[in-house]
Amino acid sequence: MSDTLTRKDLVEVLAKKHDLPKSRVDALVVDLLDDVTKALKKGNKVALSQFGIFEVKKRPARKGRNPATGAAIKIPAKKNVRFKSSAGLKKTIG
């Protein structure tokens, strides 16, 4: 495994750990990610106990400057997903 845990790596670990076919575990992981995405799209928070909270934050439109020319530009409003780790996760990773 590399220094990045990919979906494929996660599926392999879970399939081995729970003695399940990789195809079944992959379907479960895809469903989990789809459900999290749908909840965030609706504006809901997703709280995973002992892991953290995912939520959508709105950034308002603002004025900025083009660093190359110095010209004023308008930066549009947008939404970002934020993650706040739980105390348990913070303690675990140090």
PDB file of N, CA and C in Angstrom:
ATOM      1  N   MET A   1       0.843  -1.179   0.000  1.00  0.00           N
ATOM      2  CA  MET A   1       0.000   0.000   0.000  1.00  0.00           C
ATOM      3  C   MET A   1       0.891   1.247   0.000  1.00  0.00           C
ATOM      4  N   SER A   2       0.522   2.248  -0.783  1.00  0.00           N
ATOM      5  CA  SER A   2       1.295   3.487  -0.853  1.00  0.00           C
ATOM      6  C   SER A   2       0.954   4.369   0.352  1.00  0.00           C
ATOM      7  N   ASP A   3       1.464   5.602   0.334  1.00  0.00           N
ATOM      8  CA  ASP A   3       1.182   6.519   1.432  1.00  0.00           C
ATOM      9  C   ASP A   3      -0.188   7.176   1.311  1.00  0.00           C
ATOM     10  N   THR A   4      -0.957   6.814   0.282  1.00  0.00           N
ATOM     11  CA  THR A   4      -2.319   7.293   0.107  1.00  0.00           C
ATOM     12  C   THR A   4      -3.264   6.100   0.123  1.00  0.00           C
ATOM     13  N   LEU A   5      -4.272   6.163   0.966  1.00  0.00           N
ATOM     14  CA  LEU A   5      -5.271   5.100   1.021  1.00  0.00           C
ATOM     15  C   LEU A   5      -6.325   5.386  -0.049  1.00  0.00           C
ATOM     16  N   THR A   6      -6.349   4.577  -1.088  1.00  0.00           N
ATOM     17  CA  THR A   6      -7.318   4.754  -2.167  1.00  0.00           C
ATOM     18  C   THR A   6      -8.558   3.925  -1.883  1.00  0.00           C
ATOM     19  N   ARG A   7      -9.595   4.149  -2.686  1.00  0.00           N
ATOM     20  CA  ARG A   7     -10.811   3.351  -2.529  1.00  0.00           C
ATOM     21  C   ARG A   7     -10.503   1.876  -2.741  1.00  0.00           C
ATOM     22  N   LYS A   8      -9.658   1.581  -3.716  1.00  0.00           N
ATOM     23  CA  LYS A   8      -9.278   0.195  -3.989  1.00  0.00           C
ATOM     24  C   LYS A   8      -8.593  -0.430  -2.774  1.00  0.00           C
ATOM     25  N   ASP A   9      -7.675   0.315  -2.158  1.00  0.00           N
ATOM     26  CA  ASP A   9      -6.990  -0.171  -0.959  1.00  0.00           C
ATOM     27  C   ASP A   9      -7.980  -0.427   0.171  1.00  0.00           C
ATOM     28  N   LEU A  10      -8.894   0.511   0.363  1.00  0.00           N
ATOM     29  CA  LEU A  10      -9.896   0.378   1.416  1.00  0.00           C
ATOM     30  C   LEU A  10     -10.759  -0.859   1.196  1.00  0.00           C
ATOM     31  N   VAL A  11     -11.178  -1.077  -0.041  1.00  0.00           N
ATOM     32  CA  VAL A  11     -11.991  -2.245  -0.378  1.00  0.00           C
ATOM     33  C   VAL A  11     -11.219  -3.527  -0.076  1.00  0.00           C
ATOM     34  N   GLU A  12      -9.961  -3.575  -0.462  1.00  0.00           N
ATOM     35  CA  GLU A  12      -9.146  -4.772  -0.211  1.00  0.00           C
ATOM     36  C   GLU A  12      -9.005  -5.056   1.286  1.00  0.00           C
ATOM     37  N   VAL A  13      -8.735  -4.024   2.067  1.00  0.00           N
ATOM     38  CA  VAL A  13      -8.568  -4.186   3.515  1.00  0.00           C
ATOM     39  C   VAL A  13      -9.865  -4.677   4.152  1.00  0.00           C
ATOM     40  N   LEU A  14     -10.980  -4.040   3.799  1.00  0.00           N
ATOM     41  CA  LEU A  14     -12.259  -4.426   4.398  1.00  0.00           C
ATOM     42  C   LEU A  14     -12.703  -5.815   3.957  1.00  0.00           C
ATOM     43  N   ALA A  15     -12.473  -6.154   2.700  1.00  0.00           N
ATOM     44  CA  ALA A  15     -12.851  -7.480   2.203  1.00  0.00           C
ATOM     45  C   ALA A  15     -12.089  -8.565   2.951  1.00  0.00           C
ATOM     46  N   LYS A  16     -10.812  -8.340   3.156  1.00  0.00           N
ATOM     47  CA  LYS A  16      -9.981  -9.311   3.862  1.00  0.00           C
ATOM     48  C   LYS A  16     -10.378  -9.390   5.339  1.00  0.00           C
ATOM     49  N   LYS A  17     -10.578  -8.234   5.952  1.00  0.00           N
ATOM     50  CA  LYS A  17     -10.906  -8.153   7.372  1.00  0.00           C
ATOM     51  C   LYS A  17     -12.233  -8.839   7.709  1.00  0.00           C
ATOM     52  N   HIS A  18     -13.208  -8.723   6.805  1.00  0.00           N
ATOM     53  CA  HIS A  18     -14.547  -9.256   7.068  1.00  0.00           C
ATOM     54  C   HIS A  18     -14.879 -10.490   6.234  1.00  0.00           C
ATOM     55  N   ASP A  19     -13.877 -11.020   5.526  1.00  0.00           N
ATOM     56  CA  ASP A  19     -14.047 -12.224   4.713  1.00  0.00           C
ATOM     57  C   ASP A  19     -15.256 -12.105   3.777  1.00  0.00           C
ATOM     58  N   LEU A  20     -15.254 -11.020   3.007  1.00  0.00           N
ATOM     59  CA  LEU A  20     -16.319 -10.749   2.043  1.00  0.00           C
ATOM     60  C   LEU A  20     -15.711 -10.578   0.656  1.00  0.00           C
ATOM     61  N   PRO A  21     -16.504 -10.828  -0.380  1.00  0.00           N
ATOM     62  CA  PRO A  21     -16.001 -10.593  -1.742  1.00  0.00           C
ATOM     63  C   PRO A  21     -15.733  -9.103  -1.976  1.00  0.00           C
ATOM     64  N   LYS A  22     -14.663  -8.817  -2.706  1.00  0.00           N
ATOM     65  CA  LYS A  22     -14.308  -7.422  -2.994  1.00  0.00           C
ATOM     66  C   LYS A  22     -15.435  -6.686  -3.712  1.00  0.00           C
ATOM     67  N   SER A  23     -16.139  -7.374  -4.594  1.00  0.00           N
ATOM     68  CA  SER A  23     -17.217  -6.717  -5.339  1.00  0.00           C
ATOM     69  C   SER A  23     -18.324  -6.239  -4.406  1.00  0.00           C
ATOM     70  N   ARG A  24     -18.620  -7.025  -3.385  1.00  0.00           N
ATOM     71  CA  ARG A  24     -19.669  -6.649  -2.409  1.00  0.00           C
ATOM     72  C   ARG A  24     -19.201  -5.463  -1.566  1.00  0.00           C
ATOM     73  N   VAL A  25     -17.970  -5.506  -1.114  1.00  0.00           N
ATOM     74  CA  VAL A  25     -17.425  -4.414  -0.307  1.00  0.00           C
ATOM     75  C   VAL A  25     -17.342  -3.135  -1.148  1.00  0.00           C
ATOM     76  N   ASP A  26     -16.925  -3.259  -2.401  1.00  0.00           N
ATOM     77  CA  ASP A  26     -16.852  -2.089  -3.272  1.00  0.00           C
ATOM     78  C   ASP A  26     -18.234  -1.459  -3.440  1.00  0.00           C
ATOM     79  N   ALA A  27     -19.260  -2.277  -3.613  1.00  0.00           N
ATOM     80  CA  ALA A  27     -20.624  -1.764  -3.748  1.00  0.00           C
ATOM     81  C   ALA A  27     -21.044  -1.017  -2.480  1.00  0.00           C
ATOM     82  N   LEU A  28     -20.670  -1.535  -1.323  1.00  0.00           N
ATOM     83  CA  LEU A  28     -21.002  -0.878  -0.057  1.00  0.00           C
ATOM     84  C   LEU A  28     -20.272   0.458   0.084  1.00  0.00           C
ATOM     85  N   VAL A  29     -19.010   0.498  -0.296  1.00  0.00           N
ATOM     86  CA  VAL A  29     -18.235   1.734  -0.218  1.00  0.00           C
ATOM     87  C   VAL A  29     -18.827   2.779  -1.171  1.00  0.00           C
ATOM     88  N   VAL A  30     -19.174   2.367  -2.375  1.00  0.00           N
ATOM     89  CA  VAL A  30     -19.782   3.288  -3.346  1.00  0.00           C
ATOM     90  C   VAL A  30     -21.105   3.825  -2.797  1.00  0.00           C
ATOM     91  N   ASP A  31     -21.924   2.947  -2.218  1.00  0.00           N
ATOM     92  CA  ASP A  31     -23.195   3.382  -1.637  1.00  0.00           C
ATOM     93  C   ASP A  31     -22.979   4.374  -0.495  1.00  0.00           C
ATOM     94  N   LEU A  32     -21.998   4.102   0.356  1.00  0.00           N
ATOM     95  CA  LEU A  32     -21.690   5.002   1.468  1.00  0.00           C
ATOM     96  C   LEU A  32     -21.307   6.382   0.941  1.00  0.00           C
ATOM     97  N   LEU A  33     -20.408   6.425  -0.018  1.00  0.00           N
ATOM     98  CA  LEU A  33     -19.968   7.704  -0.568  1.00  0.00           C
ATOM     99  C   LEU A  33     -21.101   8.439  -1.275  1.00  0.00           C
ATOM    100  N   ASP A  34     -21.949   7.697  -1.975  1.00  0.00           N
ATOM    101  CA  ASP A  34     -23.112   8.316  -2.634  1.00  0.00           C
ATOM    102  C   ASP A  34     -24.065   8.921  -1.610  1.00  0.00           C
ATOM    103  N   ASP A  35     -24.315   8.201  -0.523  1.00  0.00           N
ATOM    104  CA  ASP A  35     -25.231   8.702   0.505  1.00  0.00           C
ATOM    105  C   ASP A  35     -24.659   9.934   1.213  1.00  0.00           C
ATOM    106  N   VAL A  36     -23.368   9.934   1.475  1.00  0.00           N
ATOM    107  CA  VAL A  36     -22.725  11.101   2.083  1.00  0.00           C
ATOM    108  C   VAL A  36     -22.829  12.292   1.137  1.00  0.00           C
ATOM    109  N   THR A  37     -22.553  12.067  -0.138  1.00  0.00           N
ATOM    110  CA  THR A  37     -22.634  13.137  -1.139  1.00  0.00           C
ATOM    111  C   THR A  37     -24.049  13.701  -1.239  1.00  0.00           C
ATOM    112  N   LYS A  38     -25.048  12.826  -1.269  1.00  0.00           N
ATOM    113  CA  LYS A  38     -26.453  13.275  -1.351  1.00  0.00           C
ATOM    114  C   LYS A  38     -26.842  14.105  -0.134  1.00  0.00           C
ATOM    115  N   ALA A  39     -26.418  13.669   1.050  1.00  0.00           N
ATOM    116  CA  ALA A  39     -26.731  14.419   2.269  1.00  0.00           C
ATOM    117  C   ALA A  39     -26.093  15.803   2.232  1.00  0.00           C
ATOM    118  N   LEU A  40     -24.838  15.882   1.808  1.00  0.00           N
ATOM    119  CA  LEU A  40     -24.157  17.170   1.728  1.00  0.00           C
ATOM    120  C   LEU A  40     -24.809  18.070   0.681  1.00  0.00           C
ATOM    121  N   LYS A  41     -25.223  17.480  -0.419  1.00  0.00           N
ATOM    122  CA  LYS A  41     -25.870  18.262  -1.481  1.00  0.00           C
ATOM    123  C   LYS A  41     -27.179  18.881  -0.981  1.00  0.00           C
ATOM    124  N   LYS A  42     -27.875  18.178  -0.083  1.00  0.00           N
ATOM    125  CA  LYS A  42     -29.122  18.696   0.503  1.00  0.00           C
ATOM    126  C   LYS A  42     -28.855  19.756   1.567  1.00  0.00           C
ATOM    127  N   GLY A  43     -27.593  19.922   1.938  1.00  0.00           N
ATOM    128  CA  GLY A  43     -27.251  20.900   2.965  1.00  0.00           C
ATOM    129  C   GLY A  43     -27.174  20.308   4.360  1.00  0.00           C
ATOM    130  N   ASN A  44     -27.252  18.992   4.478  1.00  0.00           N
ATOM    131  CA  ASN A  44     -27.177  18.324   5.777  1.00  0.00           C
ATOM    132  C   ASN A  44     -25.731  18.112   6.190  1.00  0.00           C
ATOM    133  N   LYS A  45     -25.524  18.044   7.497  1.00  0.00           N
ATOM    134  CA  LYS A  45     -24.218  17.651   8.031  1.00  0.00           C
ATOM    135  C   LYS A  45     -24.152  16.138   8.045  1.00  0.00           C
ATOM    136  N   VAL A  46     -22.953  15.589   7.921  1.00  0.00           N
ATOM    137  CA  VAL A  46     -22.736  14.150   8.037  1.00  0.00           C
ATOM    138  C   VAL A  46     -21.772  13.950   9.198  1.00  0.00           C
ATOM    139  N   ALA A  47     -22.293  13.376  10.295  1.00  0.00           N
ATOM    140  CA  ALA A  47     -21.488  13.164  11.495  1.00  0.00           C
ATOM    141  C   ALA A  47     -21.199  11.677  11.639  1.00  0.00           C
ATOM    142  N   LEU A  48     -19.922  11.331  11.620  1.00  0.00           N
ATOM    143  CA  LEU A  48     -19.494   9.950  11.798  1.00  0.00           C
ATOM    144  C   LEU A  48     -18.800   9.862  13.154  1.00  0.00           C
ATOM    145  N   SER A  49     -19.442   9.176  14.070  1.00  0.00           N
ATOM    146  CA  SER A  49     -18.942   9.065  15.433  1.00  0.00           C
ATOM    147  C   SER A  49     -17.497   8.578  15.445  1.00  0.00           C
ATOM    148  N   GLN A  50     -16.687   9.182  16.283  1.00  0.00           N
ATOM    149  CA  GLN A  50     -15.270   8.868  16.441  1.00  0.00           C
ATOM    150  C   GLN A  50     -14.438   9.187  15.196  1.00  0.00           C
ATOM    151  N   PHE A  51     -15.019   9.888  14.230  1.00  0.00           N
ATOM    152  CA  PHE A  51     -14.268  10.265  13.032  1.00  0.00           C
ATOM    153  C   PHE A  51     -14.338  11.777  12.832  1.00  0.00           C
ATOM    154  N   GLY A  52     -15.550  12.301  12.588  1.00  0.00           N
ATOM    155  CA  GLY A  52     -15.681  13.736  12.403  1.00  0.00           C
ATOM    156  C   GLY A  52     -16.971  14.121  11.726  1.00  0.00           C
ATOM    157  N   ILE A  53     -17.058  15.398  11.377  1.00  0.00           N
ATOM    158  CA  ILE A  53     -18.262  15.955  10.771  1.00  0.00           C
ATOM    159  C   ILE A  53     -17.903  16.599   9.432  1.00  0.00           C
ATOM    160  N   PHE A  54     -18.668  16.240   8.403  1.00  0.00           N
ATOM    161  CA  PHE A  54     -18.570  16.872   7.096  1.00  0.00           C
ATOM    162  C   PHE A  54     -19.747  17.830   6.985  1.00  0.00           C
ATOM    163  N   GLU A  55     -19.503  19.032   6.473  1.00  0.00           N
ATOM    164  CA  GLU A  55     -20.599  19.963   6.236  1.00  0.00           C
ATOM    165  C   GLU A  55     -20.245  20.907   5.097  1.00  0.00           C
ATOM    166  N   VAL A  56     -21.275  21.469   4.485  1.00  0.00           N
ATOM    167  CA  VAL A  56     -21.092  22.410   3.383  1.00  0.00           C
ATOM    168  C   VAL A  56     -21.115  23.825   3.953  1.00  0.00           C
ATOM    169  N   LYS A  57     -20.107  24.590   3.603  1.00  0.00           N
ATOM    170  CA  LYS A  57     -20.032  25.995   4.002  1.00  0.00           C
ATOM    171  C   LYS A  57     -20.112  26.855   2.751  1.00  0.00           C
ATOM    172  N   LYS A  58     -20.879  27.945   2.835  1.00  0.00           N
ATOM    173  CA  LYS A  58     -21.009  28.866   1.711  1.00  0.00           C
ATOM    174  C   LYS A  58     -19.999  29.999   1.862  1.00  0.00           C
ATOM    175  N   ARG A  59     -19.290  30.272   0.781  1.00  0.00           N
ATOM    176  CA  ARG A  59     -18.382  31.416   0.730  1.00  0.00           C
ATOM    177  C   ARG A  59     -19.052  32.498  -0.085  1.00  0.00           C
ATOM    178  N   PRO A  60     -19.212  33.673   0.452  1.00  0.00           N
ATOM    179  CA  PRO A  60     -19.878  34.738  -0.316  1.00  0.00           C
ATOM    180  C   PRO A  60     -18.981  35.250  -1.453  1.00  0.00           C
ATOM    181  N   ALA A  61     -19.621  35.896  -2.417  1.00  0.00           N
ATOM    182  CA  ALA A  61     -18.867  36.536  -3.499  1.00  0.00           C
ATOM    183  C   ALA A  61     -18.026  37.650  -2.884  1.00  0.00           C
ATOM    184  N   ARG A  62     -16.880  37.900  -3.497  1.00  0.00           N
ATOM    185  CA  ARG A  62     -16.007  38.942  -2.963  1.00  0.00           C
ATOM    186  C   ARG A  62     -15.168  39.544  -4.092  1.00  0.00           C
ATOM    187  N   LYS A  63     -14.523  40.636  -3.789  1.00  0.00           N
ATOM    188  CA  LYS A  63     -13.633  41.278  -4.751  1.00  0.00           C
ATOM    189  C   LYS A  63     -12.215  40.812  -4.491  1.00  0.00           C
ATOM    190  N   GLY A  64     -11.479  40.654  -5.556  1.00  0.00           N
ATOM    191  CA  GLY A  64     -10.087  40.249  -5.444  1.00  0.00           C
ATOM    192  C   GLY A  64      -9.250  40.998  -6.456  1.00  0.00           C
ATOM    193  N   ARG A  65      -7.995  40.629  -6.558  1.00  0.00           N
ATOM    194  CA  ARG A  65      -7.089  41.255  -7.522  1.00  0.00           C
ATOM    195  C   ARG A  65      -6.360  40.173  -8.297  1.00  0.00           C
ATOM    196  N   ASN A  66      -6.218  40.398  -9.587  1.00  0.00           N
ATOM    197  CA  ASN A  66      -5.419  39.521 -10.424  1.00  0.00           C
ATOM    198  C   ASN A  66      -3.958  39.766 -10.030  1.00  0.00           C
ATOM    199  N   PRO A  67      -3.264  38.742  -9.535  1.00  0.00           N
ATOM    200  CA  PRO A  67      -1.894  38.969  -9.073  1.00  0.00           C
ATOM    201  C   PRO A  67      -0.919  39.373 -10.183  1.00  0.00           C
ATOM    202  N   ALA A  68      -1.221  38.982 -11.417  1.00  0.00           N
ATOM    203  CA  ALA A  68      -0.314  39.312 -12.519  1.00  0.00           C
ATOM    204  C   ALA A  68      -0.464  40.767 -12.971  1.00  0.00           C
ATOM    205  N   THR A  69      -1.719  41.249 -13.007  1.00  0.00           N
ATOM    206  CA  THR A  69      -1.960  42.593 -13.542  1.00  0.00           C
ATOM    207  C   THR A  69      -2.363  43.605 -12.477  1.00  0.00           C
ATOM    208  N   GLY A  70      -2.847  43.120 -11.348  1.00  0.00           N
ATOM    209  CA  GLY A  70      -3.323  44.034 -10.304  1.00  0.00           C
ATOM    210  C   GLY A  70      -4.738  44.512 -10.544  1.00  0.00           C
ATOM    211  N   ALA A  71      -5.363  44.049 -11.638  1.00  0.00           N
ATOM    212  CA  ALA A  71      -6.722  44.474 -11.958  1.00  0.00           C
ATOM    213  C   ALA A  71      -7.714  43.858 -10.970  1.00  0.00           C
ATOM    214  N   ALA A  72      -8.748  44.638 -10.640  1.00  0.00           N
ATOM    215  CA  ALA A  72      -9.792  44.147  -9.740  1.00  0.00           C
ATOM    216  C   ALA A  72     -10.619  43.088 -10.473  1.00  0.00           C
ATOM    217  N   ILE A  73     -10.954  42.008  -9.751  1.00  0.00           N
ATOM    218  CA  ILE A  73     -11.801  40.954 -10.319  1.00  0.00           C
ATOM    219  C   ILE A  73     -12.867  40.582  -9.303  1.00  0.00           C
ATOM    220  N   LYS A  74     -13.952  40.025  -9.824  1.00  0.00           N
ATOM    221  CA  LYS A  74     -15.030  39.565  -8.955  1.00  0.00           C
ATOM    222  C   LYS A  74     -14.862  38.057  -8.780  1.00  0.00           C
ATOM    223  N   ILE A  75     -14.787  37.608  -7.541  1.00  0.00           N
ATOM    224  CA  ILE A  75     -14.690  36.182  -7.244  1.00  0.00           C
ATOM    225  C   ILE A  75     -16.094  35.718  -6.866  1.00  0.00           C
ATOM    226  N   PRO A  76     -16.660  34.763  -7.615  1.00  0.00           N
ATOM    227  CA  PRO A  76     -18.045  34.357  -7.369  1.00  0.00           C
ATOM    228  C   PRO A  76     -18.210  33.578  -6.052  1.00  0.00           C
ATOM    229  N   ALA A  77     -19.431  33.580  -5.549  1.00  0.00           N
ATOM    230  CA  ALA A  77     -19.762  32.790  -4.360  1.00  0.00           C
ATOM    231  C   ALA A  77     -19.639  31.315  -4.708  1.00  0.00           C
ATOM    232  N   LYS A  78     -19.304  30.499  -3.711  1.00  0.00           N
ATOM    233  CA  LYS A  78     -19.247  29.064  -3.956  1.00  0.00           C
ATOM    234  C   LYS A  78     -19.417  28.311  -2.650  1.00  0.00           C
ATOM    235  N   LYS A  79     -19.639  27.009  -2.787  1.00  0.00           N
ATOM    236  CA  LYS A  79     -19.796  26.144  -1.625  1.00  0.00           C
ATOM    237  C   LYS A  79     -18.592  25.217  -1.528  1.00  0.00           C
ATOM    238  N   ASN A  80     -18.134  24.984  -0.311  1.00  0.00           N
ATOM    239  CA  ASN A  80     -17.024  24.075  -0.053  1.00  0.00           C
ATOM    240  C   ASN A  80     -17.427  23.074   1.017  1.00  0.00           C
ATOM    241  N   VAL A  81     -16.887  21.879   0.928  1.00  0.00           N
ATOM    242  CA  VAL A  81     -17.103  20.885   1.969  1.00  0.00           C
ATOM    243  C   VAL A  81     -16.001  21.052   3.004  1.00  0.00           C
ATOM    244  N   ARG A  82     -16.404  21.146   4.245  1.00  0.00           N
ATOM    245  CA  ARG A  82     -15.461  21.265   5.361  1.00  0.00           C
ATOM    246  C   ARG A  82     -15.517  19.980   6.185  1.00  0.00           C
ATOM    247  N   PHE A  83     -14.386  19.639   6.774  1.00  0.00           N
ATOM    248  CA  PHE A  83     -14.321  18.480   7.658  1.00  0.00           C
ATOM    249  C   PHE A  83     -13.749  18.921   8.991  1.00  0.00           C
ATOM    250  N   LYS A  84     -14.451  18.570  10.063  1.00  0.00           N
ATOM    251  CA  LYS A  84     -13.960  18.837  11.414  1.00  0.00           C
ATOM    252  C   LYS A  84     -13.759  17.492  12.088  1.00  0.00           C
ATOM    253  N   SER A  85     -12.529  17.184  12.410  1.00  0.00           N
ATOM    254  CA  SER A  85     -12.235  15.882  13.007  1.00  0.00           C
ATOM    255  C   SER A  85     -12.724  15.827  14.448  1.00  0.00           C
ATOM    256  N   SER A  86     -13.092  14.625  14.870  1.00  0.00           N
ATOM    257  CA  SER A  86     -13.562  14.424  16.240  1.00  0.00           C
ATOM    258  C   SER A  86     -12.370  14.469  17.191  1.00  0.00           C
ATOM    259  N   ALA A  87     -12.676  14.632  18.465  1.00  0.00           N
ATOM    260  CA  ALA A  87     -11.630  14.625  19.493  1.00  0.00           C
ATOM    261  C   ALA A  87     -10.920  13.281  19.501  1.00  0.00           C
ATOM    262  N   GLY A  88     -11.685  12.194  19.303  1.00  0.00           N
ATOM    263  CA  GLY A  88     -11.095  10.865  19.290  1.00  0.00           C
ATOM    264  C   GLY A  88     -10.103  10.689  18.153  1.00  0.00           C
ATOM    265  N   LEU A  89     -10.443  11.195  16.968  1.00  0.00           N
ATOM    266  CA  LEU A  89      -9.531  11.097  15.818  1.00  0.00           C
ATOM    267  C   LEU A  89      -8.290  11.939  16.061  1.00  0.00           C
ATOM    268  N   LYS A  90      -8.479  13.147  16.570  1.00  0.00           N
ATOM    269  CA  LYS A  90      -7.338  14.020  16.866  1.00  0.00           C
ATOM    270  C   LYS A  90      -6.382  13.339  17.841  1.00  0.00           C
ATOM    271  N   LYS A  91      -6.967  12.714  18.859  1.00  0.00           N
ATOM    272  CA  LYS A  91      -6.136  12.038  19.878  1.00  0.00           C
ATOM    273  C   LYS A  91      -5.394  10.854  19.272  1.00  0.00           C
ATOM    274  N   THR A  92      -6.073  10.102  18.389  1.00  0.00           N
ATOM    275  CA  THR A  92      -5.479   8.925  17.779  1.00  0.00           C
ATOM    276  C   THR A  92      -4.297   9.266  16.879  1.00  0.00           C
ATOM    277  N   ILE A  93      -4.449  10.322  16.069  1.00  0.00           N
ATOM    278  CA  ILE A  93      -3.382  10.656  15.121  1.00  0.00           C
ATOM    279  C   ILE A  93      -2.318  11.564  15.725  1.00  0.00           C
ATOM    280  N   GLY A  94      -2.603  12.076  16.898  1.00  0.00           N
ATOM    281  CA  GLY A  94      -1.599  12.845  17.642  1.00  0.00           C
ATOM    282  C   GLY A  94      -1.592  14.253  17.247  1.00  0.00           C
TER     283      GLY A  94
END
